[in-house]
Amino acid sequence: MESKQLDSEIIQKNEAAFSEQERHGFYKTLFNRRDVRGQFLPKQIPDDVLSRILYAAHHAPSVGFMQPWNFMVIRSPEIKQKVQQDFALAHQEAELMFEEEKRDTYKSLKLEGILESPINICITCDRERTGPTVIGRTHMKEMDLYSSVCAVQNFWLAARAEGLGVGWVSILHHQTLRETLKLPANVVPIAYLCLGYVSKFFKKPEPETANWLPRTPLEELVSFDSWGSDEHGDDPLIAQIKKDKNFPRAF
């Protein structure tokens, strides 16, 4: 009996582990994910590929297993045109919110691929999906929104693993998007995504390449036990983080 139990534990342990090749594939996907705006190709996305990506998104963690997300697949040129027109208006408004010396750089950035991408996806959050009381959401009501964001991240990484680019369009008027997609009052649009095959993936995020902002060193974002605590600057973890600064480039 003890031997069978030990064999079972070994099998479970092996199934839970990932090989070095599998870990490498995960990190490669993660570090090569990009917000794609202007490199979309007209090539159609096969249903089996899109199905796998949607399954990945549907297996995101969710508060109380609420699964508050829905996935709206948008192929209609008319709907895409309406969303793009709203983006154009919001984009003009956003330009004036930046300091004058940054406006030219802002205007030079390609910030959407709504019409160029063959498919748009809107991931939503149904805030009433499983009723008023949800495990884990009793004191933090926004946890359902965060859960839907987890679905977005799963979607994005799965798409990248399939060789597809994703662009998150956030320069939109919330109410206009709701009306365009005819969303019920209890459903919140979380992410409007452009999806498609691309001509290339950039080595770095476009805002970084355009010198909009640099990537913040990780060691500046890690503290211990209380906010902003820096008395552990000689902690072995900080030393290891600094040592691993080129880790993402290995992929």
C-alpha atoms as a PDB file:
ATOM      1  CA  MET A   1       0.000   0.000   0.000  1.00  0.00           C
ATOM      2  CA  GLU A   2       2.805   2.439   0.929  1.00  0.00           C
ATOM      3  CA  SER A   3       4.626   1.616  -2.316  1.00  0.00           C
ATOM      4  CA  LYS A   4       1.527   2.373  -4.418  1.00  0.00           C
ATOM      5  CA  GLN A   5       0.995   5.653  -2.574  1.00  0.00           C
ATOM      6  CA  LEU A   6       4.636   6.633  -3.138  1.00  0.00           C
ATOM      7  CA  ASP A   7       4.367   5.772  -6.856  1.00  0.00           C
ATOM      8  CA  SER A   8       1.224   7.927  -7.084  1.00  0.00           C
ATOM      9  CA  GLU A   9       2.978  10.873  -5.418  1.00  0.00           C
ATOM     10  CA  ILE A  10       5.943  10.575  -7.801  1.00  0.00           C
ATOM     11  CA  ILE A  11       3.619  10.530 -10.832  1.00  0.00           C
ATOM     12  CA  GLN A  12       1.746  13.591  -9.573  1.00  0.00           C
ATOM     13  CA  LYS A  13       5.015  15.418  -8.931  1.00  0.00           C
ATOM     14  CA  ASN A  14       6.280  14.667 -12.441  1.00  0.00           C
ATOM     15  CA  GLU A  15       2.997  15.813 -13.990  1.00  0.00           C
ATOM     16  CA  ALA A  16       3.173  19.089 -12.051  1.00  0.00           C
ATOM     17  CA  ALA A  17       6.721  19.838 -13.199  1.00  0.00           C
ATOM     18  CA  PHE A  18       7.667  21.512 -16.454  1.00  0.00           C
ATOM     19  CA  SER A  19      10.695  20.558 -18.479  1.00  0.00           C
ATOM     20  CA  GLU A  20      13.438  23.066 -19.182  1.00  0.00           C
ATOM     21  CA  GLN A  21      12.218  23.287 -22.791  1.00  0.00           C
ATOM     22  CA  GLU A  22       8.658  23.986 -21.641  1.00  0.00           C
ATOM     23  CA  ARG A  23       9.832  26.708 -19.233  1.00  0.00           C
ATOM     24  CA  HIS A  24      11.894  28.252 -22.002  1.00  0.00           C
ATOM     25  CA  GLY A  25       8.843  28.324 -24.273  1.00  0.00           C
ATOM     26  CA  PHE A  26       6.790  30.049 -21.599  1.00  0.00           C
ATOM     27  CA  TYR A  27       9.370  32.753 -20.946  1.00  0.00           C
ATOM     28  CA  LYS A  28       9.934  33.210 -24.678  1.00  0.00           C
ATOM     29  CA  THR A  29       6.220  33.833 -25.162  1.00  0.00           C
ATOM     30  CA  LEU A  30       6.038  36.212 -22.213  1.00  0.00           C
ATOM     31  CA  PHE A  31       9.076  38.326 -23.063  1.00  0.00           C
ATOM     32  CA  ASN A  32       8.173  38.508 -26.760  1.00  0.00           C
ATOM     33  CA  ARG A  33       4.591  39.646 -26.225  1.00  0.00           C
ATOM     34  CA  ARG A  34       4.001  43.017 -27.850  1.00  0.00           C
ATOM     35  CA  ASP A  35       1.164  45.510 -28.160  1.00  0.00           C
ATOM     36  CA  VAL A  36       0.740  45.398 -31.952  1.00  0.00           C
ATOM     37  CA  ARG A  37      -0.741  48.349 -33.803  1.00  0.00           C
ATOM     38  CA  GLY A  38       0.553  48.696 -37.338  1.00  0.00           C
ATOM     39  CA  GLN A  39       1.896  45.370 -38.586  1.00  0.00           C
ATOM     40  CA  PHE A  40      -1.330  43.430 -39.169  1.00  0.00           C
ATOM     41  CA  LEU A  41      -1.713  41.251 -42.254  1.00  0.00           C
ATOM     42  CA  PRO A  42      -5.062  40.529 -43.985  1.00  0.00           C
ATOM     43  CA  LYS A  43      -4.550  36.756 -43.504  1.00  0.00           C
ATOM     44  CA  GLN A  44      -7.583  35.131 -41.919  1.00  0.00           C
ATOM     45  CA  ILE A  45      -7.331  33.423 -38.540  1.00  0.00           C
ATOM     46  CA  PRO A  46      -8.357  29.736 -38.656  1.00  0.00           C
ATOM     47  CA  ASP A  47     -11.178  28.813 -36.294  1.00  0.00           C
ATOM     48  CA  ASP A  48      -9.098  26.141 -34.562  1.00  0.00           C
ATOM     49  CA  VAL A  49      -6.426  28.702 -33.695  1.00  0.00           C
ATOM     50  CA  LEU A  50      -8.937  31.225 -32.390  1.00  0.00           C
ATOM     51  CA  SER A  51     -10.707  28.483 -30.440  1.00  0.00           C
ATOM     52  CA  ARG A  52      -7.479  27.550 -28.635  1.00  0.00           C
ATOM     53  CA  ILE A  53      -6.796  31.167 -27.745  1.00  0.00           C
ATOM     54  CA  LEU A  54     -10.308  31.646 -26.399  1.00  0.00           C
ATOM     55  CA  TYR A  55      -9.993  28.467 -24.332  1.00  0.00           C
ATOM     56  CA  ALA A  56      -6.766  29.844 -22.857  1.00  0.00           C
ATOM     57  CA  ALA A  57      -8.551  33.065 -21.931  1.00  0.00           C
ATOM     58  CA  HIS A  58     -11.480  31.140 -20.469  1.00  0.00           C
ATOM     59  CA  HIS A  59      -9.077  29.278 -18.159  1.00  0.00           C
ATOM     60  CA  ALA A  60      -7.869  32.439 -16.447  1.00  0.00           C
ATOM     61  CA  PRO A  61      -8.228  32.623 -12.669  1.00  0.00           C
ATOM     62  CA  SER A  62     -11.387  34.313 -11.438  1.00  0.00           C
ATOM     63  CA  VAL A  63     -12.636  35.378  -8.033  1.00  0.00           C
ATOM     64  CA  GLY A  64     -14.949  32.725  -6.569  1.00  0.00           C
ATOM     65  CA  PHE A  65     -14.730  30.904  -9.929  1.00  0.00           C
ATOM     66  CA  MET A  66     -17.105  33.621 -11.125  1.00  0.00           C
ATOM     67  CA  GLN A  67     -15.840  33.538 -14.745  1.00  0.00           C
ATOM     68  CA  PRO A  68     -17.310  37.002 -15.395  1.00  0.00           C
ATOM     69  CA  TRP A  69     -15.959  37.354 -18.920  1.00  0.00           C
ATOM     70  CA  ASN A  70     -17.574  37.208 -22.339  1.00  0.00           C
ATOM     71  CA  PHE A  71     -15.733  37.284 -25.650  1.00  0.00           C
ATOM     72  CA  MET A  72     -17.283  39.340 -28.450  1.00  0.00           C
ATOM     73  CA  VAL A  73     -15.783  38.410 -31.831  1.00  0.00           C
ATOM     74  CA  ILE A  74     -16.131  41.425 -34.108  1.00  0.00           C
ATOM     75  CA  ARG A  75     -15.787  40.860 -37.842  1.00  0.00           C
ATOM     76  CA  SER A  76     -18.341  43.408 -39.080  1.00  0.00           C
ATOM     77  CA  PRO A  77     -16.676  46.220 -41.058  1.00  0.00           C
ATOM     78  CA  GLU A  78     -19.489  48.556 -39.967  1.00  0.00           C
ATOM     79  CA  ILE A  79     -18.901  47.927 -36.260  1.00  0.00           C
ATOM     80  CA  LYS A  80     -15.141  48.243 -36.666  1.00  0.00           C
ATOM     81  CA  GLN A  81     -15.611  51.510 -38.542  1.00  0.00           C
ATOM     82  CA  LYS A  82     -17.748  52.944 -35.731  1.00  0.00           C
ATOM     83  CA  VAL A  83     -15.154  51.993 -33.128  1.00  0.00           C
ATOM     84  CA  GLN A  84     -12.345  53.449 -35.236  1.00  0.00           C
ATOM     85  CA  GLN A  85     -14.232  56.736 -35.653  1.00  0.00           C
ATOM     86  CA  ASP A  86     -14.617  56.993 -31.890  1.00  0.00           C
ATOM     87  CA  PHE A  87     -10.917  56.264 -31.483  1.00  0.00           C
ATOM     88  CA  ALA A  88     -10.051  59.102 -33.879  1.00  0.00           C
ATOM     89  CA  LEU A  89     -12.080  61.554 -31.800  1.00  0.00           C
ATOM     90  CA  ALA A  90     -10.671  60.322 -28.489  1.00  0.00           C
ATOM     91  CA  HIS A  91      -7.154  60.401 -29.959  1.00  0.00           C
ATOM     92  CA  GLN A  92      -7.521  64.088 -30.821  1.00  0.00           C
ATOM     93  CA  GLU A  93      -8.776  64.819 -27.322  1.00  0.00           C
ATOM     94  CA  ALA A  94      -5.933  62.870 -25.729  1.00  0.00           C
ATOM     95  CA  GLU A  95      -3.276  64.786 -27.668  1.00  0.00           C
ATOM     96  CA  LEU A  96      -4.196  67.995 -25.864  1.00  0.00           C
ATOM     97  CA  MET A  97      -3.808  66.325 -22.462  1.00  0.00           C
ATOM     98  CA  PHE A  98      -0.046  65.965 -22.867  1.00  0.00           C
ATOM     99  CA  GLU A  99       2.590  68.631 -22.410  1.00  0.00           C
ATOM    100  CA  GLU A 100       3.252  70.461 -25.647  1.00  0.00           C
ATOM    101  CA  GLU A 101       6.767  69.081 -26.080  1.00  0.00           C
ATOM    102  CA  LYS A 102       5.377  65.525 -26.089  1.00  0.00           C
ATOM    103  CA  ARG A 103       2.517  66.071 -28.517  1.00  0.00           C
ATOM    104  CA  ASP A 104       4.505  65.518 -31.695  1.00  0.00           C
ATOM    105  CA  THR A 105       5.807  62.214 -30.343  1.00  0.00           C
ATOM    106  CA  TYR A 106       2.300  61.225 -29.313  1.00  0.00           C
ATOM    107  CA  LYS A 107       0.929  61.965 -32.782  1.00  0.00           C
ATOM    108  CA  SER A 108       3.702  59.899 -34.374  1.00  0.00           C
ATOM    109  CA  LEU A 109       2.744  56.772 -32.447  1.00  0.00           C
ATOM    110  CA  LYS A 110       0.496  54.219 -34.130  1.00  0.00           C
ATOM    111  CA  LEU A 111      -1.983  53.410 -31.376  1.00  0.00           C
ATOM    112  CA  GLU A 112      -4.558  51.115 -33.004  1.00  0.00           C
ATOM    113  CA  GLY A 113      -5.117  48.618 -35.786  1.00  0.00           C
ATOM    114  CA  ILE A 114      -8.889  48.405 -35.666  1.00  0.00           C
ATOM    115  CA  LEU A 115      -9.505  48.324 -39.409  1.00  0.00           C
ATOM    116  CA  GLU A 116      -6.261  46.595 -40.395  1.00  0.00           C
ATOM    117  CA  SER A 117      -6.708  43.563 -38.142  1.00  0.00           C
ATOM    118  CA  PRO A 118      -9.054  40.867 -39.500  1.00  0.00           C
ATOM    119  CA  ILE A 119     -10.744  40.356 -36.129  1.00  0.00           C
ATOM    120  CA  ASN A 120     -11.458  42.589 -33.154  1.00  0.00           C
ATOM    121  CA  ILE A 121     -12.257  41.039 -29.787  1.00  0.00           C
ATOM    122  CA  CYS A 122     -13.974  42.764 -26.890  1.00  0.00           C
ATOM    123  CA  ILE A 123     -13.509  41.040 -23.536  1.00  0.00           C
ATOM    124  CA  THR A 124     -16.147  42.113 -21.045  1.00  0.00           C
ATOM    125  CA  CYS A 125     -17.039  41.635 -17.389  1.00  0.00           C
ATOM    126  CA  ASP A 126     -20.545  40.677 -16.301  1.00  0.00           C
ATOM    127  CA  ARG A 127     -20.675  42.113 -12.781  1.00  0.00           C
ATOM    128  CA  GLU A 128     -23.795  40.110 -11.922  1.00  0.00           C
ATOM    129  CA  ARG A 129     -22.662  36.772 -13.354  1.00  0.00           C
ATOM    130  CA  THR A 130     -23.149  34.629 -10.238  1.00  0.00           C
ATOM    131  CA  GLY A 131     -25.296  36.850  -8.053  1.00  0.00           C
ATOM    132  CA  PRO A 132     -24.633  39.583  -5.499  1.00  0.00           C
ATOM    133  CA  THR A 133     -22.401  37.563  -3.132  1.00  0.00           C
ATOM    134  CA  VAL A 134     -19.220  35.984  -4.494  1.00  0.00           C
ATOM    135  CA  ILE A 135     -16.462  34.213  -2.574  1.00  0.00           C
ATOM    136  CA  GLY A 136     -13.458  36.532  -2.404  1.00  0.00           C
ATOM    137  CA  ARG A 137     -15.428  39.554  -3.600  1.00  0.00           C
ATOM    138  CA  THR A 138     -17.284  40.271  -0.367  1.00  0.00           C
ATOM    139  CA  HIS A 139     -14.902  43.093   0.602  1.00  0.00           C
ATOM    140  CA  MET A 140     -13.172  43.923  -2.690  1.00  0.00           C
ATOM    141  CA  LYS A 141     -15.951  44.423  -5.240  1.00  0.00           C
ATOM    142  CA  GLU A 142     -13.499  45.165  -8.049  1.00  0.00           C
ATOM    143  CA  MET A 143     -12.089  41.617  -8.035  1.00  0.00           C
ATOM    144  CA  ASP A 144     -14.408  40.605 -10.890  1.00  0.00           C
ATOM    145  CA  LEU A 145     -12.853  43.335 -13.041  1.00  0.00           C
ATOM    146  CA  TYR A 146      -9.371  42.097 -12.186  1.00  0.00           C
ATOM    147  CA  SER A 147     -10.455  38.565 -13.075  1.00  0.00           C
ATOM    148  CA  SER A 148     -11.440  39.690 -16.559  1.00  0.00           C
ATOM    149  CA  VAL A 149      -8.073  41.387 -16.941  1.00  0.00           C
ATOM    150  CA  CYS A 150      -6.477  38.006 -16.173  1.00  0.00           C
ATOM    151  CA  ALA A 151      -8.475  36.607 -19.097  1.00  0.00           C
ATOM    152  CA  VAL A 152      -7.045  39.369 -21.282  1.00  0.00           C
ATOM    153  CA  GLN A 153      -3.497  38.414 -20.303  1.00  0.00           C
ATOM    154  CA  ASN A 154      -4.140  34.723 -20.990  1.00  0.00           C
ATOM    155  CA  PHE A 155      -5.618  35.655 -24.365  1.00  0.00           C
ATOM    156  CA  TRP A 156      -2.610  37.823 -25.201  1.00  0.00           C
ATOM    157  CA  LEU A 157       0.019  35.240 -24.293  1.00  0.00           C
ATOM    158  CA  ALA A 158      -1.810  32.423 -26.083  1.00  0.00           C
ATOM    159  CA  ALA A 159      -2.140  34.573 -29.197  1.00  0.00           C
ATOM    160  CA  ARG A 160       1.588  35.304 -29.137  1.00  0.00           C
ATOM    161  CA  ALA A 161       2.360  31.606 -28.769  1.00  0.00           C
ATOM    162  CA  GLU A 162       0.220  31.014 -31.884  1.00  0.00           C
ATOM    163  CA  GLY A 163       2.177  33.679 -33.813  1.00  0.00           C
ATOM    164  CA  LEU A 164      -0.624  36.256 -33.662  1.00  0.00           C
ATOM    165  CA  GLY A 165      -0.354  39.889 -32.660  1.00  0.00           C
ATOM    166  CA  VAL A 166      -2.703  41.634 -30.247  1.00  0.00           C
ATOM    167  CA  GLY A 167      -3.239  45.360 -29.776  1.00  0.00           C
ATOM    168  CA  TRP A 168      -5.223  46.744 -26.834  1.00  0.00           C
ATOM    169  CA  VAL A 169      -7.131  49.880 -27.821  1.00  0.00           C
ATOM    170  CA  SER A 170      -7.868  51.936 -24.718  1.00  0.00           C
ATOM    171  CA  ILE A 171      -8.285  55.388 -26.275  1.00  0.00           C
ATOM    172  CA  LEU A 172     -12.042  55.082 -26.589  1.00  0.00           C
ATOM    173  CA  HIS A 173     -15.083  56.665 -24.995  1.00  0.00           C
ATOM    174  CA  HIS A 174     -16.467  54.095 -22.597  1.00  0.00           C
ATOM    175  CA  GLN A 175     -20.135  54.915 -23.144  1.00  0.00           C
ATOM    176  CA  THR A 176     -19.804  55.096 -26.927  1.00  0.00           C
ATOM    177  CA  LEU A 177     -18.237  51.639 -26.979  1.00  0.00           C
ATOM    178  CA  ARG A 178     -21.045  50.302 -24.799  1.00  0.00           C
ATOM    179  CA  GLU A 179     -23.633  51.701 -27.180  1.00  0.00           C
ATOM    180  CA  THR A 180     -21.841  50.465 -30.300  1.00  0.00           C
ATOM    181  CA  LEU A 181     -21.645  46.924 -28.946  1.00  0.00           C
ATOM    182  CA  LYS A 182     -25.118  47.093 -27.334  1.00  0.00           C
ATOM    183  CA  LEU A 183     -23.857  45.969 -23.936  1.00  0.00           C
ATOM    184  CA  PRO A 184     -26.342  45.461 -21.074  1.00  0.00           C
ATOM    185  CA  ALA A 185     -26.056  47.761 -18.062  1.00  0.00           C
ATOM    186  CA  ASN A 186     -24.382  45.097 -15.910  1.00  0.00           C
ATOM    187  CA  VAL A 187     -21.687  44.298 -18.489  1.00  0.00           C
ATOM    188  CA  VAL A 188     -18.482  46.370 -18.548  1.00  0.00           C
ATOM    189  CA  PRO A 189     -16.116  46.457 -21.548  1.00  0.00           C
ATOM    190  CA  ILE A 190     -12.665  45.575 -20.208  1.00  0.00           C
ATOM    191  CA  ALA A 191     -10.474  45.317 -23.302  1.00  0.00           C
ATOM    192  CA  TYR A 192     -11.019  46.104 -26.976  1.00  0.00           C
ATOM    193  CA  LEU A 193      -8.397  44.051 -28.803  1.00  0.00           C
ATOM    194  CA  CYS A 194      -7.149  43.929 -32.377  1.00  0.00           C
ATOM    195  CA  LEU A 195      -6.076  40.426 -33.411  1.00  0.00           C
ATOM    196  CA  GLY A 196      -4.249  39.104 -36.433  1.00  0.00           C
ATOM    197  CA  TYR A 197      -1.116  37.741 -38.030  1.00  0.00           C
ATOM    198  CA  VAL A 198       1.606  40.341 -38.382  1.00  0.00           C
ATOM    199  CA  SER A 199       4.524  41.115 -40.654  1.00  0.00           C
ATOM    200  CA  LYS A 200       6.879  41.340 -37.667  1.00  0.00           C
ATOM    201  CA  PHE A 201       7.085  41.734 -33.919  1.00  0.00           C
ATOM    202  CA  PHE A 202       9.224  44.573 -32.593  1.00  0.00           C
ATOM    203  CA  LYS A 203      12.123  43.663 -30.319  1.00  0.00           C
ATOM    204  CA  LYS A 204      11.006  46.278 -27.793  1.00  0.00           C
ATOM    205  CA  PRO A 205       7.644  47.914 -26.997  1.00  0.00           C
ATOM    206  CA  GLU A 206       7.042  50.846 -29.334  1.00  0.00           C
ATOM    207  CA  PRO A 207       6.791  53.498 -26.564  1.00  0.00           C
ATOM    208  CA  GLU A 208      10.198  52.362 -25.323  1.00  0.00           C
ATOM    209  CA  THR A 209      11.703  52.474 -28.814  1.00  0.00           C
ATOM    210  CA  ALA A 210      10.211  55.941 -29.385  1.00  0.00           C
ATOM    211  CA  ASN A 211      11.791  57.138 -26.118  1.00  0.00           C
ATOM    212  CA  TRP A 212       8.377  57.895 -24.668  1.00  0.00           C
ATOM    213  CA  LEU A 213       9.420  56.182 -21.442  1.00  0.00           C
ATOM    214  CA  PRO A 214      12.280  53.853 -20.451  1.00  0.00           C
ATOM    215  CA  ARG A 215      11.779  50.497 -18.760  1.00  0.00           C
ATOM    216  CA  THR A 216      12.097  50.949 -15.002  1.00  0.00           C
ATOM    217  CA  PRO A 217      14.789  48.758 -13.390  1.00  0.00           C
ATOM    218  CA  LEU A 218      13.085  45.949 -11.473  1.00  0.00           C
ATOM    219  CA  GLU A 219      15.139  46.503  -8.316  1.00  0.00           C
ATOM    220  CA  GLU A 220      13.554  49.955  -7.977  1.00  0.00           C
ATOM    221  CA  LEU A 221      10.114  48.362  -7.788  1.00  0.00           C
ATOM    222  CA  VAL A 222      10.792  45.759  -5.110  1.00  0.00           C
ATOM    223  CA  SER A 223      10.460  46.588  -1.408  1.00  0.00           C
ATOM    224  CA  PHE A 224      10.187  44.509   1.759  1.00  0.00           C
ATOM    225  CA  ASP A 225       7.417  44.436   4.354  1.00  0.00           C
ATOM    226  CA  SER A 226       6.307  48.053   3.891  1.00  0.00           C
ATOM    227  CA  TRP A 227       5.869  50.461   0.985  1.00  0.00           C
ATOM    228  CA  GLY A 228       9.076  51.952  -0.380  1.00  0.00           C
ATOM    229  CA  SER A 229      11.257  50.319   2.245  1.00  0.00           C
ATOM    230  CA  ASP A 230      14.850  50.563   1.031  1.00  0.00           C
ATOM    231  CA  GLU A 231      16.806  49.462   4.081  1.00  0.00           C
ATOM    232  CA  HIS A 232      17.163  46.039   2.452  1.00  0.00           C
ATOM    233  CA  GLY A 233      19.131  47.306  -0.529  1.00  0.00           C
ATOM    234  CA  ASP A 234      21.778  44.680   0.209  1.00  0.00           C
ATOM    235  CA  ASP A 235      19.231  41.853   0.343  1.00  0.00           C
ATOM    236  CA  PRO A 236      20.333  38.763  -1.649  1.00  0.00           C
ATOM    237  CA  LEU A 237      17.155  38.968  -3.744  1.00  0.00           C
ATOM    238  CA  ILE A 238      18.021  42.488  -4.916  1.00  0.00           C
ATOM    239  CA  ALA A 239      21.520  41.308  -5.754  1.00  0.00           C
ATOM    240  CA  GLN A 240      20.075  38.419  -7.775  1.00  0.00           C
ATOM    241  CA  ILE A 241      17.640  40.721  -9.600  1.00  0.00           C
ATOM    242  CA  LYS A 242      20.510  42.979 -10.627  1.00  0.00           C
ATOM    243  CA  LYS A 243      22.513  39.947 -11.712  1.00  0.00           C
ATOM    244  CA  ASP A 244      19.615  38.731 -13.863  1.00  0.00           C
ATOM    245  CA  LYS A 245      19.014  42.079 -15.611  1.00  0.00           C
ATOM    246  CA  ASN A 246      19.735  40.503 -18.994  1.00  0.00           C
ATOM    247  CA  PHE A 247      17.459  37.504 -18.334  1.00  0.00           C
ATOM    248  CA  PRO A 248      14.627  38.710 -20.644  1.00  0.00           C
ATOM    249  CA  ARG A 249      17.060  39.204 -23.532  1.00  0.00           C
ATOM    250  CA  ALA A 250      17.896  35.503 -23.510  1.00  0.00           C
ATOM    251  CA  PHE A 251      14.544  34.869 -25.138  1.00  0.00           C
END
